[in-house]
Amino acid sequence: MTKGCAARAAAGLPIAFCLTMGLAYAQGSSTTVTKTPAPQPASPEAMRPSIDQSVLPVESAAPVEEVVPPKVDEGAGWQVAVEQAKGPTPLVGQQQSAAVDKINAYFNGMTSLEGNFSQTDASNNRTHGRFYVLRPGKIRFDYAPPSPLRIVADGHSLGIQDTSLKTVEKYPIKSTPFRLLLAKTVDLGRDAKIVGVERDNGSLAITLEDQKGTAGHIRLLFKSGGTLELEEWTITDAQGLTTRVTVDSLVRGRKKSPSFFKIKEETNPFRMGG
């Protein structure tokens, strides 16, 4: 794997407006019109009314009551619709600080975590597997066949293993996005540049960039009911290519041995890491 390809692999690691407004109009109650007997015709040839009917001169008809629809607060309906359609709400100031503190606490309160992952890259290629976390510093992704990849961080280095080629590419963990989440003490405000924090329909998202100004960013999405729960992350690299990873079936407290996160030094005489 060339250095450029490896960098892209590391960067891609698995870690409507619809407005409806109704105006209700009440139906008016029936209006009674008083009829008065018509004057006798002047001659037999004059037009006579039909049986059981009366002729009501226009000038003597009772006034018809105008039906006025009730007033509708159109502004309130519009406001509700806009609130529902405007999408995520950016958090600023104290609200943002409180949200970042909550996310920090989520990771700092985690010792071990495992679950399933599903990864979709910029070419819409999809892979899946299972991941394991042991804080601080350790993480492992086992890709399901036919993918030959395994990604392991032992606390110091992160290795990308190709089990079919028997090669391993190693990188300092501090040069990968996982350094932010696997540190002994997670402090995103200290260790990263916070691009934005958003809340939307029971979810909380934070977008982070490297403080060194490296192009690209990572976006973490959490379910935010009573407690936070990691739902997905998206990594966008310097070329604008995006890798999205969703996780489910999360289990806490099921620890793996540290040796489970050991990077195996496999080699292939016909292919060496670049």
Protein backbone atom coordinates (compact mmCIF):
# COMPACT_ATOMS: atom_id res chain seq x y z
CA MET A 1 0.00 0.00 0.00
CA THR A 2 1.47 3.32 -1.01
CA LYS A 3 1.68 6.16 1.43
CA GLY A 4 -1.14 8.04 -0.39
CA CYS A 5 -3.40 4.99 -0.37
CA ALA A 6 -2.63 4.29 3.25
CA ALA A 7 -3.40 7.85 4.20
CA ARG A 8 -6.75 7.62 2.46
CA ALA A 9 -7.45 4.34 4.23
CA ALA A 10 -6.63 5.89 7.58
CA ALA A 11 -8.77 8.94 6.83
CA GLY A 12 -11.68 6.68 5.87
CA LEU A 13 -11.51 4.49 8.94
CA PRO A 14 -14.84 3.18 10.18
CA ILE A 15 -15.24 5.18 13.49
CA ALA A 16 -37.54 18.88 3.36
CA PHE A 17 -39.17 21.55 3.43
CA CYS A 18 -42.92 20.66 3.42
CA LEU A 19 -45.26 23.35 4.63
CA THR A 20 -48.96 22.59 5.20
CA MET A 21 -51.39 25.18 6.38
CA GLY A 22 -55.16 24.69 6.71
CA LEU A 23 -57.67 27.47 7.20
CA ALA A 24 -60.81 26.33 9.04
CA TYR A 25 -64.05 28.15 8.40
CA ALA A 26 -67.10 27.53 10.54
CA GLN A 27 -70.38 26.89 8.84
CA GLY A 28 -72.94 29.59 9.61
CA SER A 29 -76.21 28.65 11.23
CA SER A 30 -79.34 28.69 9.02
CA THR A 31 -80.89 32.14 8.47
CA THR A 32 -84.66 32.54 8.71
CA VAL A 33 -86.34 34.90 6.24
CA THR A 34 -89.77 36.22 7.19
CA LYS A 35 -92.29 36.16 4.39
CA THR A 36 -95.30 38.47 4.18
CA PRO A 37 -98.46 37.82 2.15
CA ALA A 38 -98.33 39.21 -1.33
CA PRO A 39 -100.89 41.87 -2.35
CA GLN A 40 -103.88 40.66 -4.33
CA PRO A 41 -103.30 40.69 -8.02
CA ALA A 42 -104.95 43.52 -9.94
CA SER A 43 -106.56 41.23 -12.49
CA PRO A 44 -107.17 37.50 -13.07
CA GLU A 45 -104.54 37.60 -15.78
CA ALA A 46 -101.87 38.58 -13.30
CA MET A 47 -99.28 35.98 -12.36
CA ARG A 48 -100.39 33.92 -9.42
CA PRO A 49 -98.01 32.14 -7.00
CA SER A 50 -97.71 28.39 -7.09
CA ILE A 51 -99.56 26.28 -4.56
CA ASP A 52 -98.19 26.73 -0.99
CA GLN A 53 -95.81 29.49 -2.11
CA SER A 54 -95.79 33.22 -1.54
CA VAL A 55 -94.30 36.05 -3.50
CA LEU A 56 -91.94 38.23 -1.50
CA PRO A 57 -91.28 41.70 -2.88
CA VAL A 58 -87.60 42.54 -2.89
CA GLU A 59 -88.07 45.80 -1.09
CA SER A 60 -89.88 44.10 1.78
CA ALA A 61 -87.49 41.12 2.23
CA ALA A 62 -85.79 40.81 5.58
CA PRO A 63 -82.02 41.49 5.44
CA VAL A 64 -79.88 38.35 5.11
CA GLU A 65 -77.30 38.02 7.88
CA GLU A 66 -73.74 37.88 6.53
CA VAL A 67 -71.79 34.77 7.53
CA VAL A 68 -68.37 35.85 8.73
CA PRO A 69 -65.69 33.14 9.11
CA PRO A 70 -63.89 33.09 12.47
CA LYS A 71 -60.46 34.63 12.58
CA VAL A 72 -57.59 32.21 12.14
CA ASP A 73 -54.14 32.95 13.52
CA GLU A 74 -52.26 32.31 10.31
CA GLY A 75 -49.02 33.52 11.82
CA ALA A 76 -49.07 30.82 14.49
CA GLY A 77 -49.67 28.06 11.93
CA TRP A 78 -46.84 29.35 9.76
CA GLN A 79 -44.47 29.52 12.70
CA VAL A 80 -45.18 25.93 13.72
CA ALA A 81 -44.63 24.67 10.20
CA VAL A 82 -41.35 26.56 9.84
CA GLU A 83 -40.10 25.25 13.18
CA GLN A 84 -40.79 21.69 12.05
CA ALA A 85 -39.13 22.12 8.67
CA LYS A 86 -36.07 24.20 9.40
CA GLY A 87 -33.85 21.22 10.27
CA PRO A 88 -31.06 20.99 12.85
CA THR A 89 -30.69 23.81 15.36
CA PRO A 90 -27.11 25.10 15.75
CA LEU A 91 -26.03 25.43 19.36
CA VAL A 92 -23.89 28.40 20.38
CA GLY A 93 -22.53 29.91 23.56
CA GLN A 94 -23.50 28.15 26.78
CA GLN A 95 -25.69 25.65 24.93
CA GLN A 96 -22.77 24.53 22.81
CA SER A 97 -20.45 24.32 25.80
CA ALA A 98 -22.96 22.19 27.69
CA ALA A 99 -23.36 19.85 24.72
CA VAL A 100 -19.58 19.44 24.30
CA ASP A 101 -19.23 18.70 28.04
CA LYS A 102 -21.92 16.03 27.67
CA ILE A 103 -20.09 14.41 24.76
CA ASN A 104 -16.78 14.49 26.64
CA ALA A 105 -18.46 12.82 29.62
CA TYR A 106 -19.85 10.11 27.35
CA PHE A 107 -16.41 9.05 26.19
CA ASN A 108 -14.67 9.57 29.54
CA GLY A 109 -17.31 7.39 31.21
CA MET A 110 -16.65 4.55 28.78
CA THR A 111 -14.12 1.86 29.59
CA SER A 112 -15.11 -0.73 27.01
CA LEU A 113 -17.56 -0.84 24.12
CA GLU A 114 -18.35 -3.24 21.30
CA GLY A 115 -20.94 -3.53 18.57
CA ASN A 116 -21.64 -3.97 14.88
CA PHE A 117 -20.60 -1.46 12.24
CA SER A 118 -21.58 -0.78 8.63
CA GLN A 119 -19.29 1.33 6.45
CA THR A 120 -20.10 3.13 3.18
CA ASP A 121 -17.27 4.84 1.31
CA ALA A 122 -17.30 7.63 -1.27
CA SER A 123 -17.80 5.11 -4.11
CA ASN A 124 -20.82 3.63 -2.29
CA ASN A 125 -18.94 0.43 -1.54
CA ARG A 126 -20.33 -1.16 1.60
CA THR A 127 -18.63 -3.34 4.16
CA HIS A 128 -19.55 -4.40 7.67
CA GLY A 129 -18.18 -6.17 10.69
CA ARG A 130 -17.69 -5.85 14.42
CA PHE A 131 -15.68 -3.36 16.44
CA TYR A 132 -14.22 -3.33 19.95
CA VAL A 133 -12.97 -0.47 22.14
CA LEU A 134 -10.85 -0.61 25.28
CA ARG A 135 -10.01 2.83 26.60
CA PRO A 136 -7.56 4.40 26.66
CA GLY A 137 -5.96 3.88 23.30
CA LYS A 138 -7.21 0.54 22.04
CA ILE A 139 -9.65 -0.21 19.24
CA ARG A 140 -10.18 -3.05 16.77
CA PHE A 141 -12.30 -3.45 13.62
CA ASP A 142 -12.82 -6.93 12.21
CA TYR A 143 -14.25 -6.72 8.68
CA ALA A 144 -16.54 -9.50 7.54
CA PRO A 145 -15.51 -11.53 4.47
CA PRO A 146 -14.82 -11.01 1.67
CA SER A 147 -12.90 -7.99 3.00
CA PRO A 148 -9.42 -9.02 4.16
CA LEU A 149 -8.94 -5.96 6.39
CA ARG A 150 -8.47 -5.70 10.11
CA ILE A 151 -7.69 -2.42 11.86
CA VAL A 152 -6.09 -2.51 15.31
CA ALA A 153 -4.80 0.20 17.65
CA ASP A 154 -2.70 -1.02 20.58
CA GLY A 155 -2.49 2.27 22.46
CA HIS A 156 0.55 3.59 20.61
CA SER A 157 0.21 2.64 16.95
CA LEU A 158 -2.63 1.91 14.58
CA GLY A 159 -2.14 -0.97 12.17
CA ILE A 160 -4.04 -1.72 8.97
CA GLN A 161 -3.70 -5.45 8.36
CA ASP A 162 -4.43 -7.14 5.06
CA THR A 163 -4.86 -10.79 5.97
CA SER A 164 -4.82 -11.96 2.36
CA LEU A 165 -1.57 -10.21 1.50
CA LYS A 166 -0.12 -10.65 5.00
CA THR A 167 0.89 -7.00 5.21
CA VAL A 168 0.62 -4.42 7.97
CA GLU A 169 0.74 -0.65 7.61
CA LYS A 170 1.42 1.11 10.92
CA TYR A 171 0.82 4.75 11.89
CA PRO A 172 1.15 6.67 15.16
CA ILE A 173 -2.30 6.72 16.70
CA LYS A 174 -1.91 10.44 17.33
CA SER A 175 -1.98 10.98 13.55
CA THR A 176 -5.43 9.39 13.18
CA PRO A 177 -8.91 10.71 14.05
CA PHE A 178 -9.18 8.12 16.82
CA ARG A 179 -6.71 10.00 18.99
CA LEU A 180 -9.52 12.41 19.94
CA LEU A 181 -11.78 9.65 21.26
CA LEU A 182 -9.28 7.17 22.71
CA ALA A 183 -7.24 9.62 24.79
CA LYS A 184 -6.98 8.96 28.51
CA THR A 185 -9.02 12.12 29.04
CA VAL A 186 -11.27 13.19 26.18
CA ASP A 187 -11.52 16.99 25.87
CA LEU A 188 -12.77 17.89 22.39
CA GLY A 189 -12.69 21.61 23.07
CA ARG A 190 -9.02 21.36 23.98
CA ASP A 191 -7.79 18.86 21.42
CA ALA A 192 -9.82 19.76 18.33
CA LYS A 193 -11.38 22.69 16.52
CA ILE A 194 -15.14 22.57 16.98
CA VAL A 195 -16.76 23.50 13.67
CA GLY A 196 -20.32 23.21 14.92
CA VAL A 197 -22.75 21.49 17.27
CA GLU A 198 -26.36 20.78 16.26
CA ARG A 199 -29.47 19.35 17.86
CA ASP A 200 -32.33 17.83 15.86
CA ASN A 201 -35.26 15.54 16.76
CA GLY A 202 -33.62 13.56 19.54
CA SER A 203 -30.11 13.64 18.11
CA LEU A 204 -26.94 15.59 18.82
CA ALA A 205 -24.12 16.08 16.30
CA ILE A 206 -20.66 17.61 16.58
CA THR A 207 -18.26 18.39 13.72
CA LEU A 208 -14.54 18.56 14.45
CA GLU A 209 -11.40 19.59 12.59
CA ASP A 210 -7.75 19.11 13.45
CA GLN A 211 -6.29 22.08 15.29
CA LYS A 212 -3.30 22.07 12.96
CA GLY A 213 -5.52 23.15 10.09
CA THR A 214 -5.35 19.84 8.22
CA ALA A 215 -8.09 19.66 5.60
CA GLY A 216 -10.98 17.34 6.32
CA HIS A 217 -13.23 16.82 9.31
CA ILE A 218 -15.08 14.23 11.36
CA ARG A 219 -18.76 14.44 12.35
CA LEU A 220 -20.09 12.40 15.27
CA LEU A 221 -23.82 11.75 15.63
CA PHE A 222 -25.45 10.63 18.88
CA LYS A 223 -28.93 9.65 19.95
CA SER A 224 -29.74 12.07 22.75
CA GLY A 225 -32.66 10.75 24.74
CA GLY A 226 -32.08 10.43 28.47
CA THR A 227 -28.43 9.55 27.82
CA LEU A 228 -26.16 9.82 24.82
CA GLU A 229 -25.49 6.84 22.58
CA LEU A 230 -23.10 6.89 19.63
CA GLU A 231 -25.01 6.27 16.38
CA GLU A 232 -22.62 7.07 13.53
CA TRP A 233 -19.61 9.05 12.42
CA THR A 234 -18.62 10.51 9.06
CA ILE A 235 -15.06 11.27 8.00
CA THR A 236 -14.46 13.70 5.13
CA ASP A 237 -10.90 13.79 3.82
CA ALA A 238 -8.88 16.58 2.18
CA GLN A 239 -10.28 15.67 -1.26
CA GLY A 240 -13.86 15.92 0.01
CA LEU A 241 -14.38 12.16 -0.09
CA THR A 242 -16.66 10.89 2.64
CA THR A 243 -16.76 7.63 4.58
CA ARG A 244 -19.84 7.03 6.75
CA VAL A 245 -19.97 4.45 9.52
CA THR A 246 -23.11 3.51 11.44
CA VAL A 247 -23.05 1.38 14.57
CA ASP A 248 -25.67 -0.65 16.41
CA SER A 249 -26.14 -3.41 19.01
CA LEU A 250 -23.75 -1.58 21.34
CA VAL A 251 -22.64 -3.35 24.51
CA ARG A 252 -20.69 -1.74 27.35
CA GLY A 253 -18.59 -3.39 30.03
CA ARG A 254 -17.60 -6.53 28.14
CA LYS A 255 -13.84 -6.20 28.30
CA LYS A 256 -11.37 -7.90 26.00
CA SER A 257 -7.84 -8.80 26.96
CA PRO A 258 -5.18 -6.24 26.00
CA SER A 259 -3.58 -8.94 23.84
CA PHE A 260 -6.73 -8.87 21.69
CA PHE A 261 -5.59 -5.43 20.50
CA LYS A 262 -2.06 -6.49 19.62
CA ILE A 263 -0.91 -5.69 16.09
CA LYS A 264 0.37 -8.86 14.44
CA GLU A 265 3.52 -8.34 12.45
CA GLU A 266 2.61 -10.38 9.37
CA THR A 267 4.82 -10.12 6.33
CA ASN A 268 4.69 -11.12 2.69
CA PRO A 269 8.01 -11.48 0.82
CA PHE A 270 6.34 -10.33 -2.41
CA ARG A 271 4.78 -7.18 -0.94
CA MET A 272 6.16 -4.90 1.75
CA GLY A 273 4.42 -1.85 3.20
CA GLY A 274 5.54 1.44 1.65
